[in-house]
Amino acid sequence: MSDAIKDKIVHMSLVAGGVNLFMSDSFEPIHYGNNINLSLEFATEDEAREAFAKLAEGGNVKYPLELAFWGALHGQLEDKFGVLWMITNEVKAN
């Protein structure tokens, strides 16, 4: 890892009022419109893949939906409106 990102937070979560909040530092320059990623967590891999495919239509896939090093199915994209999304399925993918 480079010195430029060695102090970045990859993933942090907390529960407040029964709501899961997920946070991380940005690894890209921040400008108006990309200062937040919306995250959706699905119970099944099929649901996660369907949502990812629909949000990716007309958009830009940043990281394909695949098994991440922490054991979850995870992908990131920018939809056709410029909204940043993270899609995950915490059940370990087969």
PDB file of N, CA and C in Angstrom:
ATOM      1  N   MET A   1       0.850  -1.174   0.000  1.00  0.00           N
ATOM      2  CA  MET A   1       0.000   0.000   0.000  1.00  0.00           C
ATOM      3  C   MET A   1       0.892   1.232   0.000  1.00  0.00           C
ATOM      4  N   SER A   2       0.465   2.245  -0.696  1.00  0.00           N
ATOM      5  CA  SER A   2       1.267   3.473  -0.784  1.00  0.00           C
ATOM      6  C   SER A   2       1.092   4.332   0.465  1.00  0.00           C
ATOM      7  N   ASP A   3       2.053   5.210   0.700  1.00  0.00           N
ATOM      8  CA  ASP A   3       1.974   6.113   1.855  1.00  0.00           C
ATOM      9  C   ASP A   3       0.768   7.042   1.761  1.00  0.00           C
ATOM     10  N   ALA A   4       0.317   7.339   0.539  1.00  0.00           N
ATOM     11  CA  ALA A   4      -0.807   8.256   0.348  1.00  0.00           C
ATOM     12  C   ALA A   4      -2.109   7.711   0.930  1.00  0.00           C
ATOM     13  N   ILE A   5      -2.247   6.375   1.017  1.00  0.00           N
ATOM     14  CA  ILE A   5      -3.507   5.809   1.518  1.00  0.00           C
ATOM     15  C   ILE A   5      -3.340   4.969   2.779  1.00  0.00           C
ATOM     16  N   LYS A   6      -2.166   4.947   3.352  1.00  0.00           N
ATOM     17  CA  LYS A   6      -1.925   4.070   4.502  1.00  0.00           C
ATOM     18  C   LYS A   6      -2.784   4.395   5.715  1.00  0.00           C
ATOM     19  N   ASP A   7      -3.271   5.627   5.858  1.00  0.00           N
ATOM     20  CA  ASP A   7      -4.095   6.001   7.004  1.00  0.00           C
ATOM     21  C   ASP A   7      -5.584   6.098   6.664  1.00  0.00           C
ATOM     22  N   LYS A   8      -5.981   5.626   5.490  1.00  0.00           N
ATOM     23  CA  LYS A   8      -7.388   5.668   5.085  1.00  0.00           C
ATOM     24  C   LYS A   8      -8.165   4.548   5.758  1.00  0.00           C
ATOM     25  N   ILE A   9      -9.446   4.790   5.991  1.00  0.00           N
ATOM     26  CA  ILE A   9     -10.346   3.779   6.542  1.00  0.00           C
ATOM     27  C   ILE A   9     -11.060   3.113   5.382  1.00  0.00           C
ATOM     28  N   VAL A  10     -10.943   1.784   5.288  1.00  0.00           N
ATOM     29  CA  VAL A  10     -11.584   1.041   4.211  1.00  0.00           C
ATOM     30  C   VAL A  10     -13.047   0.785   4.534  1.00  0.00           C
ATOM     31  N   HIS A  11     -13.333   0.412   5.779  1.00  0.00           N
ATOM     32  CA  HIS A  11     -14.713   0.087   6.139  1.00  0.00           C
ATOM     33  C   HIS A  11     -14.905   0.269   7.640  1.00  0.00           C
ATOM     34  N   MET A  12     -15.959   0.983   7.972  1.00  0.00           N
ATOM     35  CA  MET A  12     -16.341   1.155   9.361  1.00  0.00           C
ATOM     36  C   MET A  12     -17.858   1.074   9.417  1.00  0.00           C
ATOM     37  N   SER A  13     -18.384   0.429  10.424  1.00  0.00           N
ATOM     38  CA  SER A  13     -19.837   0.367  10.550  1.00  0.00           C
ATOM     39  C   SER A  13     -20.243   0.562  12.002  1.00  0.00           C
ATOM     40  N   LEU A  14     -21.448   1.086  12.166  1.00  0.00           N
ATOM     41  CA  LEU A  14     -22.027   1.218  13.500  1.00  0.00           C
ATOM     42  C   LEU A  14     -23.530   1.164  13.360  1.00  0.00           C
ATOM     43  N   VAL A  15     -24.186   0.856  14.453  1.00  0.00           N
ATOM     44  CA  VAL A  15     -25.646   0.796  14.480  1.00  0.00           C
ATOM     45  C   VAL A  15     -26.135   1.908  15.387  1.00  0.00           C
ATOM     46  N   ALA A  16     -27.033   2.735  14.870  1.00  0.00           N
ATOM     47  CA  ALA A  16     -27.617   3.831  15.652  1.00  0.00           C
ATOM     48  C   ALA A  16     -29.121   3.828  15.430  1.00  0.00           C
ATOM     49  N   GLY A  17     -29.867   3.678  16.470  1.00  0.00           N
ATOM     50  CA  GLY A  17     -31.326   3.664  16.348  1.00  0.00           C
ATOM     51  C   GLY A  17     -31.827   2.520  15.483  1.00  0.00           C
ATOM     52  N   GLY A  18     -31.092   1.404  15.474  1.00  0.00           N
ATOM     53  CA  GLY A  18     -31.493   0.252  14.675  1.00  0.00           C
ATOM     54  C   GLY A  18     -31.123   0.345  13.210  1.00  0.00           C
ATOM     55  N   VAL A  19     -30.409   1.384  12.831  1.00  0.00           N
ATOM     56  CA  VAL A  19     -29.999   1.586  11.436  1.00  0.00           C
ATOM     57  C   VAL A  19     -28.509   1.324  11.300  1.00  0.00           C
ATOM     58  N   ASN A  20     -28.123   0.500  10.311  1.00  0.00           N
ATOM     59  CA  ASN A  20     -26.712   0.241  10.040  1.00  0.00           C
ATOM     60  C   ASN A  20     -26.131   1.401   9.242  1.00  0.00           C
ATOM     61  N   LEU A  21     -25.059   1.982   9.742  1.00  0.00           N
ATOM     62  CA  LEU A  21     -24.351   3.041   9.026  1.00  0.00           C
ATOM     63  C   LEU A  21     -22.978   2.515   8.640  1.00  0.00           C
ATOM     64  N   PHE A  22     -22.627   2.639   7.368  1.00  0.00           N
ATOM     65  CA  PHE A  22     -21.339   2.187   6.867  1.00  0.00           C
ATOM     66  C   PHE A  22     -20.565   3.391   6.365  1.00  0.00           C
ATOM     67  N   MET A  23     -19.294   3.462   6.693  1.00  0.00           N
ATOM     68  CA  MET A  23     -18.482   4.615   6.314  1.00  0.00           C
ATOM     69  C   MET A  23     -17.106   4.171   5.851  1.00  0.00           C
ATOM     70  N   SER A  24     -16.493   4.998   5.013  1.00  0.00           N
ATOM     71  CA  SER A  24     -15.098   4.801   4.622  1.00  0.00           C
ATOM     72  C   SER A  24     -14.569   6.119   4.089  1.00  0.00           C
ATOM     73  N   ASP A  25     -13.256   6.229   4.052  1.00  0.00           N
ATOM     74  CA  ASP A  25     -12.641   7.395   3.422  1.00  0.00           C
ATOM     75  C   ASP A  25     -12.786   7.289   1.915  1.00  0.00           C
ATOM     76  N   SER A  26     -12.701   8.419   1.239  1.00  0.00           N
ATOM     77  CA  SER A  26     -12.691   8.427  -0.224  1.00  0.00           C
ATOM     78  C   SER A  26     -11.276   8.172  -0.712  1.00  0.00           C
ATOM     79  N   PHE A  27     -11.159   7.392  -1.762  1.00  0.00           N
ATOM     80  CA  PHE A  27      -9.862   7.112  -2.357  1.00  0.00           C
ATOM     81  C   PHE A  27      -9.703   7.864  -3.672  1.00  0.00           C
ATOM     82  N   GLU A  28     -10.650   8.719  -3.982  1.00  0.00           N
ATOM     83  CA  GLU A  28     -10.623   9.545  -5.185  1.00  0.00           C
ATOM     84  C   GLU A  28     -10.814  10.996  -4.778  1.00  0.00           C
ATOM     85  N   PRO A  29     -10.392  11.930  -5.623  1.00  0.00           N
ATOM     86  CA  PRO A  29     -10.637  13.344  -5.301  1.00  0.00           C
ATOM     87  C   PRO A  29     -12.142  13.591  -5.126  1.00  0.00           C
ATOM     88  N   ILE A  30     -12.493  14.367  -4.110  1.00  0.00           N
ATOM     89  CA  ILE A  30     -13.899  14.634  -3.809  1.00  0.00           C
ATOM     90  C   ILE A  30     -14.337  15.918  -4.499  1.00  0.00           C
ATOM     91  N   HIS A  31     -15.507  15.850  -5.134  1.00  0.00           N
ATOM     92  CA  HIS A  31     -16.141  17.031  -5.703  1.00  0.00           C
ATOM     93  C   HIS A  31     -17.646  16.897  -5.495  1.00  0.00           C
ATOM     94  N   TYR A  32     -18.354  17.966  -5.692  1.00  0.00           N
ATOM     95  CA  TYR A  32     -19.794  17.953  -5.473  1.00  0.00           C
ATOM     96  C   TYR A  32     -20.428  16.821  -6.271  1.00  0.00           C
ATOM     97  N   GLY A  33     -21.159  15.953  -5.604  1.00  0.00           N
ATOM     98  CA  GLY A  33     -21.840  14.853  -6.257  1.00  0.00           C
ATOM     99  C   GLY A  33     -21.224  13.498  -5.964  1.00  0.00           C
ATOM    100  N   ASN A  34     -19.950  13.445  -5.584  1.00  0.00           N
ATOM    101  CA  ASN A  34     -19.350  12.140  -5.286  1.00  0.00           C
ATOM    102  C   ASN A  34     -18.919  12.037  -3.832  1.00  0.00           C
ATOM    103  N   ASN A  35     -19.461  12.891  -2.992  1.00  0.00           N
ATOM    104  CA  ASN A  35     -19.015  12.923  -1.598  1.00  0.00           C
ATOM    105  C   ASN A  35     -19.729  11.906  -0.710  1.00  0.00           C
ATOM    106  N   ILE A  36     -20.565  11.054  -1.291  1.00  0.00           N
ATOM    107  CA  ILE A  36     -21.233  10.010  -0.518  1.00  0.00           C
ATOM    108  C   ILE A  36     -21.458   8.796  -1.417  1.00  0.00           C
ATOM    109  N   ASN A  37     -21.300   7.622  -0.859  1.00  0.00           N
ATOM    110  CA  ASN A  37     -21.644   6.369  -1.525  1.00  0.00           C
ATOM    111  C   ASN A  37     -22.852   5.806  -0.804  1.00  0.00           C
ATOM    112  N   LEU A  38     -23.859   5.429  -1.536  1.00  0.00           N
ATOM    113  CA  LEU A  38     -25.005   4.761  -0.927  1.00  0.00           C
ATOM    114  C   LEU A  38     -24.723   3.268  -0.964  1.00  0.00           C
ATOM    115  N   SER A  39     -25.020   2.586   0.122  1.00  0.00           N
ATOM    116  CA  SER A  39     -24.725   1.168   0.230  1.00  0.00           C
ATOM    117  C   SER A  39     -26.004   0.375   0.422  1.00  0.00           C
ATOM    118  N   LEU A  40     -26.153  -0.673  -0.361  1.00  0.00           N
ATOM    119  CA  LEU A  40     -27.286  -1.581  -0.226  1.00  0.00           C
ATOM    120  C   LEU A  40     -26.752  -2.973   0.089  1.00  0.00           C
ATOM    121  N   GLU A  41     -27.281  -3.588   1.138  1.00  0.00           N
ATOM    122  CA  GLU A  41     -26.876  -4.939   1.524  1.00  0.00           C
ATOM    123  C   GLU A  41     -28.059  -5.871   1.307  1.00  0.00           C
ATOM    124  N   PHE A  42     -27.830  -6.953   0.572  1.00  0.00           N
ATOM    125  CA  PHE A  42     -28.904  -7.875   0.222  1.00  0.00           C
ATOM    126  C   PHE A  42     -28.743  -9.213   0.920  1.00  0.00           C
ATOM    127  N   ALA A  43     -29.869  -9.880   1.162  1.00  0.00           N
ATOM    128  CA  ALA A  43     -29.871 -11.163   1.853  1.00  0.00           C
ATOM    129  C   ALA A  43     -29.355 -12.290   0.967  1.00  0.00           C
ATOM    130  N   THR A  44     -29.543 -12.160  -0.354  1.00  0.00           N
ATOM    131  CA  THR A  44     -29.097 -13.231  -1.257  1.00  0.00           C
ATOM    132  C   THR A  44     -28.190 -12.670  -2.342  1.00  0.00           C
ATOM    133  N   GLU A  45     -27.364 -13.568  -2.868  1.00  0.00           N
ATOM    134  CA  GLU A  45     -26.473 -13.188  -3.966  1.00  0.00           C
ATOM    135  C   GLU A  45     -27.270 -12.787  -5.199  1.00  0.00           C
ATOM    136  N   ASP A  46     -28.363 -13.486  -5.486  1.00  0.00           N
ATOM    137  CA  ASP A  46     -29.187 -13.164  -6.662  1.00  0.00           C
ATOM    138  C   ASP A  46     -29.749 -11.746  -6.576  1.00  0.00           C
ATOM    139  N   GLU A  47     -30.242 -11.359  -5.391  1.00  0.00           N
ATOM    140  CA  GLU A  47     -30.767 -10.003  -5.206  1.00  0.00           C
ATOM    141  C   GLU A  47     -29.678  -8.964  -5.414  1.00  0.00           C
ATOM    142  N   ALA A  48     -28.494  -9.217  -4.881  1.00  0.00           N
ATOM    143  CA  ALA A  48     -27.372  -8.285  -5.026  1.00  0.00           C
ATOM    144  C   ALA A  48     -26.991  -8.134  -6.497  1.00  0.00           C
ATOM    145  N   ARG A  49     -26.920  -9.254  -7.217  1.00  0.00           N
ATOM    146  CA  ARG A  49     -26.542  -9.207  -8.637  1.00  0.00           C
ATOM    147  C   ARG A  49     -27.593  -8.478  -9.482  1.00  0.00           C
ATOM    148  N   GLU A  50     -28.870  -8.700  -9.169  1.00  0.00           N
ATOM    149  CA  GLU A  50     -29.944  -8.028  -9.903  1.00  0.00           C
ATOM    150  C   GLU A  50     -29.892  -6.509  -9.687  1.00  0.00           C
ATOM    151  N   ALA A  51     -29.729  -6.084  -8.439  1.00  0.00           N
ATOM    152  CA  ALA A  51     -29.658  -4.649  -8.135  1.00  0.00           C
ATOM    153  C   ALA A  51     -28.438  -4.022  -8.795  1.00  0.00           C
ATOM    154  N   PHE A  52     -27.298  -4.705  -8.730  1.00  0.00           N
ATOM    155  CA  PHE A  52     -26.072  -4.187  -9.333  1.00  0.00           C
ATOM    156  C   PHE A  52     -26.259  -3.995 -10.838  1.00  0.00           C
ATOM    157  N   ALA A  53     -26.829  -4.999 -11.495  1.00  0.00           N
ATOM    158  CA  ALA A  53     -27.037  -4.922 -12.943  1.00  0.00           C
ATOM    159  C   ALA A  53     -27.976  -3.774 -13.319  1.00  0.00           C
ATOM    160  N   LYS A  54     -29.043  -3.601 -12.568  1.00  0.00           N
ATOM    161  CA  LYS A  54     -30.001  -2.530 -12.867  1.00  0.00           C
ATOM    162  C   LYS A  54     -29.395  -1.148 -12.641  1.00  0.00           C
ATOM    163  N   LEU A  55     -28.661  -0.981 -11.543  1.00  0.00           N
ATOM    164  CA  LEU A  55     -28.033   0.315 -11.271  1.00  0.00           C
ATOM    165  C   LEU A  55     -26.906   0.618 -12.256  1.00  0.00           C
ATOM    166  N   ALA A  56     -26.272  -0.401 -12.789  1.00  0.00           N
ATOM    167  CA  ALA A  56     -25.157  -0.210 -13.729  1.00  0.00           C
ATOM    168  C   ALA A  56     -25.616   0.185 -15.131  1.00  0.00           C
ATOM    169  N   GLU A  57     -26.896  -0.045 -15.452  1.00  0.00           N
ATOM    170  CA  GLU A  57     -27.404   0.293 -16.789  1.00  0.00           C
ATOM    171  C   GLU A  57     -27.214   1.779 -17.056  1.00  0.00           C
ATOM    172  N   GLY A  58     -26.414   2.103 -18.071  1.00  0.00           N
ATOM    173  CA  GLY A  58     -26.156   3.497 -18.428  1.00  0.00           C
ATOM    174  C   GLY A  58     -25.159   4.181 -17.521  1.00  0.00           C
ATOM    175  N   GLY A  59     -24.600   3.449 -16.568  1.00  0.00           N
ATOM    176  CA  GLY A  59     -23.650   4.021 -15.616  1.00  0.00           C
ATOM    177  C   GLY A  59     -22.235   3.526 -15.857  1.00  0.00           C
ATOM    178  N   ASN A  60     -21.432   3.567 -14.806  1.00  0.00           N
ATOM    179  CA  ASN A  60     -20.027   3.196 -14.891  1.00  0.00           C
ATOM    180  C   ASN A  60     -19.669   2.275 -13.719  1.00  0.00           C
ATOM    181  N   VAL A  61     -19.282   1.037 -14.041  1.00  0.00           N
ATOM    182  CA  VAL A  61     -18.880   0.090 -12.999  1.00  0.00           C
ATOM    183  C   VAL A  61     -17.451   0.418 -12.575  1.00  0.00           C
ATOM    184  N   LYS A  62     -17.273   0.726 -11.302  1.00  0.00           N
ATOM    185  CA  LYS A  62     -15.939   1.027 -10.776  1.00  0.00           C
ATOM    186  C   LYS A  62     -15.238  -0.245 -10.327  1.00  0.00           C
ATOM    187  N   TYR A  63     -15.959  -1.117  -9.607  1.00  0.00           N
ATOM    188  CA  TYR A  63     -15.448  -2.407  -9.163  1.00  0.00           C
ATOM    189  C   TYR A  63     -16.547  -3.426  -9.396  1.00  0.00           C
ATOM    190  N   PRO A  64     -16.301  -4.442 -10.215  1.00  0.00           N
ATOM    191  CA  PRO A  64     -17.339  -5.448 -10.487  1.00  0.00           C
ATOM    192  C   PRO A  64     -17.788  -6.141  -9.203  1.00  0.00           C
ATOM    193  N   LEU A  65     -18.990  -6.664  -9.228  1.00  0.00           N
ATOM    194  CA  LEU A  65     -19.535  -7.385  -8.083  1.00  0.00           C
ATOM    195  C   LEU A  65     -18.842  -8.741  -8.003  1.00  0.00           C
ATOM    196  N   GLU A  66     -17.988  -8.915  -6.982  1.00  0.00           N
ATOM    197  CA  GLU A  66     -17.247 -10.157  -6.820  1.00  0.00           C
ATOM    198  C   GLU A  66     -16.890 -10.355  -5.353  1.00  0.00           C
ATOM    199  N   LEU A  67     -16.383 -11.540  -5.045  1.00  0.00           N
ATOM    200  CA  LEU A  67     -16.027 -11.848  -3.665  1.00  0.00           C
ATOM    201  C   LEU A  67     -14.849 -10.989  -3.243  1.00  0.00           C
ATOM    202  N   ALA A  68     -15.027 -10.226  -2.168  1.00  0.00           N
ATOM    203  CA  ALA A  68     -13.982  -9.331  -1.650  1.00  0.00           C
ATOM    204  C   ALA A  68     -13.122 -10.071  -0.628  1.00  0.00           C
ATOM    205  N   PHE A  69     -11.978  -9.483  -0.307  1.00  0.00           N
ATOM    206  CA  PHE A  69     -11.037 -10.117   0.608  1.00  0.00           C
ATOM    207  C   PHE A  69     -11.609 -10.356   2.000  1.00  0.00           C
ATOM    208  N   TRP A  70     -12.662  -9.616   2.388  1.00  0.00           N
ATOM    209  CA  TRP A  70     -13.234  -9.797   3.725  1.00  0.00           C
ATOM    210  C   TRP A  70     -14.361 -10.833   3.732  1.00  0.00           C
ATOM    211  N   GLY A  71     -14.617 -11.481   2.595  1.00  0.00           N
ATOM    212  CA  GLY A  71     -15.566 -12.582   2.558  1.00  0.00           C
ATOM    213  C   GLY A  71     -16.962 -12.248   2.095  1.00  0.00           C
ATOM    214  N   ALA A  72     -17.214 -11.023   1.687  1.00  0.00           N
ATOM    215  CA  ALA A  72     -18.542 -10.627   1.210  1.00  0.00           C
ATOM    216  C   ALA A  72     -18.511 -10.382  -0.290  1.00  0.00           C
ATOM    217  N   LEU A  73     -19.630 -10.609  -0.938  1.00  0.00           N
ATOM    218  CA  LEU A  73     -19.793 -10.210  -2.322  1.00  0.00           C
ATOM    219  C   LEU A  73     -19.921  -8.693  -2.313  1.00  0.00           C
ATOM    220  N   HIS A  74     -19.113  -7.988  -3.107  1.00  0.00           N
ATOM    221  CA  HIS A  74     -19.084  -6.523  -3.050  1.00  0.00           C
ATOM    222  C   HIS A  74     -18.749  -5.943  -4.419  1.00  0.00           C
ATOM    223  N   GLY A  75     -19.400  -4.842  -4.759  1.00  0.00           N
ATOM    224  CA  GLY A  75     -19.101  -4.114  -5.987  1.00  0.00           C
ATOM    225  C   GLY A  75     -19.456  -2.654  -5.829  1.00  0.00           C
ATOM    226  N   GLN A  76     -18.846  -1.800  -6.666  1.00  0.00           N
ATOM    227  CA  GLN A  76     -19.119  -0.363  -6.617  1.00  0.00           C
ATOM    228  C   GLN A  76     -19.376   0.144  -8.023  1.00  0.00           C
ATOM    229  N   LEU A  77     -20.290   1.094  -8.122  1.00  0.00           N
ATOM    230  CA  LEU A  77     -20.616   1.677  -9.418  1.00  0.00           C
ATOM    231  C   LEU A  77     -21.143   3.087  -9.268  1.00  0.00           C
ATOM    232  N   GLU A  78     -21.150   3.793 -10.379  1.00  0.00           N
ATOM    233  CA  GLU A  78     -21.785   5.105 -10.473  1.00  0.00           C
ATOM    234  C   GLU A  78     -22.954   4.945 -11.423  1.00  0.00           C
ATOM    235  N   ASP A  79     -24.167   5.275 -10.978  1.00  0.00           N
ATOM    236  CA  ASP A  79     -25.328   5.088 -11.852  1.00  0.00           C
ATOM    237  C   ASP A  79     -25.400   6.192 -12.911  1.00  0.00           C
ATOM    238  N   LYS A  80     -26.374   6.110 -13.787  1.00  0.00           N
ATOM    239  CA  LYS A  80     -26.480   7.065 -14.898  1.00  0.00           C
ATOM    240  C   LYS A  80     -26.753   8.493 -14.437  1.00  0.00           C
ATOM    241  N   PHE A  81     -27.091   8.676 -13.162  1.00  0.00           N
ATOM    242  CA  PHE A  81     -27.342  10.008 -12.622  1.00  0.00           C
ATOM    243  C   PHE A  81     -26.133  10.554 -11.846  1.00  0.00           C
ATOM    244  N   GLY A  82     -25.048   9.776 -11.784  1.00  0.00           N
ATOM    245  CA  GLY A  82     -23.855  10.206 -11.067  1.00  0.00           C
ATOM    246  C   GLY A  82     -23.842   9.841  -9.593  1.00  0.00           C
ATOM    247  N   VAL A  83     -24.811   9.030  -9.155  1.00  0.00           N
ATOM    248  CA  VAL A  83     -24.877   8.608  -7.759  1.00  0.00           C
ATOM    249  C   VAL A  83     -23.958   7.394  -7.576  1.00  0.00           C
ATOM    250  N   LEU A  84     -23.146   7.407  -6.518  1.00  0.00           N
ATOM    251  CA  LEU A  84     -22.218   6.319  -6.231  1.00  0.00           C
ATOM    252  C   LEU A  84     -22.885   5.279  -5.330  1.00  0.00           C
ATOM    253  N   TRP A  85     -22.742   4.004  -5.709  1.00  0.00           N
ATOM    254  CA  TRP A  85     -23.375   2.906  -4.984  1.00  0.00           C
ATOM    255  C   TRP A  85     -22.363   1.836  -4.627  1.00  0.00           C
ATOM    256  N   MET A  86     -22.548   1.221  -3.465  1.00  0.00           N
ATOM    257  CA  MET A  86     -21.836   0.016  -3.067  1.00  0.00           C
ATOM    258  C   MET A  86     -22.904  -1.052  -2.824  1.00  0.00           C
ATOM    259  N   ILE A  87     -22.750  -2.193  -3.464  1.00  0.00           N
ATOM    260  CA  ILE A  87     -23.693  -3.287  -3.332  1.00  0.00           C
ATOM    261  C   ILE A  87     -22.974  -4.440  -2.656  1.00  0.00           C
ATOM    262  N   THR A  88     -23.622  -5.061  -1.677  1.00  0.00           N
ATOM    263  CA  THR A  88     -22.977  -6.164  -0.970  1.00  0.00           C
ATOM    264  C   THR A  88     -23.984  -7.231  -0.600  1.00  0.00           C
ATOM    265  N   ASN A  89     -23.470  -8.423  -0.434  1.00  0.00           N
ATOM    266  CA  ASN A  89     -24.224  -9.558   0.063  1.00  0.00           C
ATOM    267  C   ASN A  89     -23.320 -10.205   1.098  1.00  0.00           C
ATOM    268  N   GLU A  90     -23.630 -10.055   2.360  1.00  0.00           N
ATOM    269  CA  GLU A  90     -22.742 -10.501   3.440  1.00  0.00           C
ATOM    270  C   GLU A  90     -22.651 -12.018   3.544  1.00  0.00           C
ATOM    271  N   VAL A  91     -23.581 -12.729   2.928  1.00  0.00           N
ATOM    272  CA  VAL A  91     -23.480 -14.182   2.915  1.00  0.00           C
ATOM    273  C   VAL A  91     -22.374 -14.541   1.943  1.00  0.00           C
ATOM    274  N   LYS A  92     -21.422 -15.325   2.398  1.00  0.00           N
ATOM    275  CA  LYS A  92     -20.276 -15.669   1.566  1.00  0.00           C
ATOM    276  C   LYS A  92     -20.735 -16.285   0.245  1.00  0.00           C
ATOM    277  N   ALA A  93     -20.233 -15.726  -0.857  1.00  0.00           N
ATOM    278  CA  ALA A  93     -20.608 -16.206  -2.183  1.00  0.00           C
ATOM    279  C   ALA A  93     -20.026 -17.595  -2.437  1.00  0.00           C
ATOM    280  N   ASN A  94     -20.724 -18.379  -3.263  1.00  0.00           N
ATOM    281  CA  ASN A  94     -20.226 -19.721  -3.621  1.00  0.00           C
ATOM    282  C   ASN A  94     -19.261 -19.650  -4.773  1.00  0.00           C
TER     283      ASN A  94
END
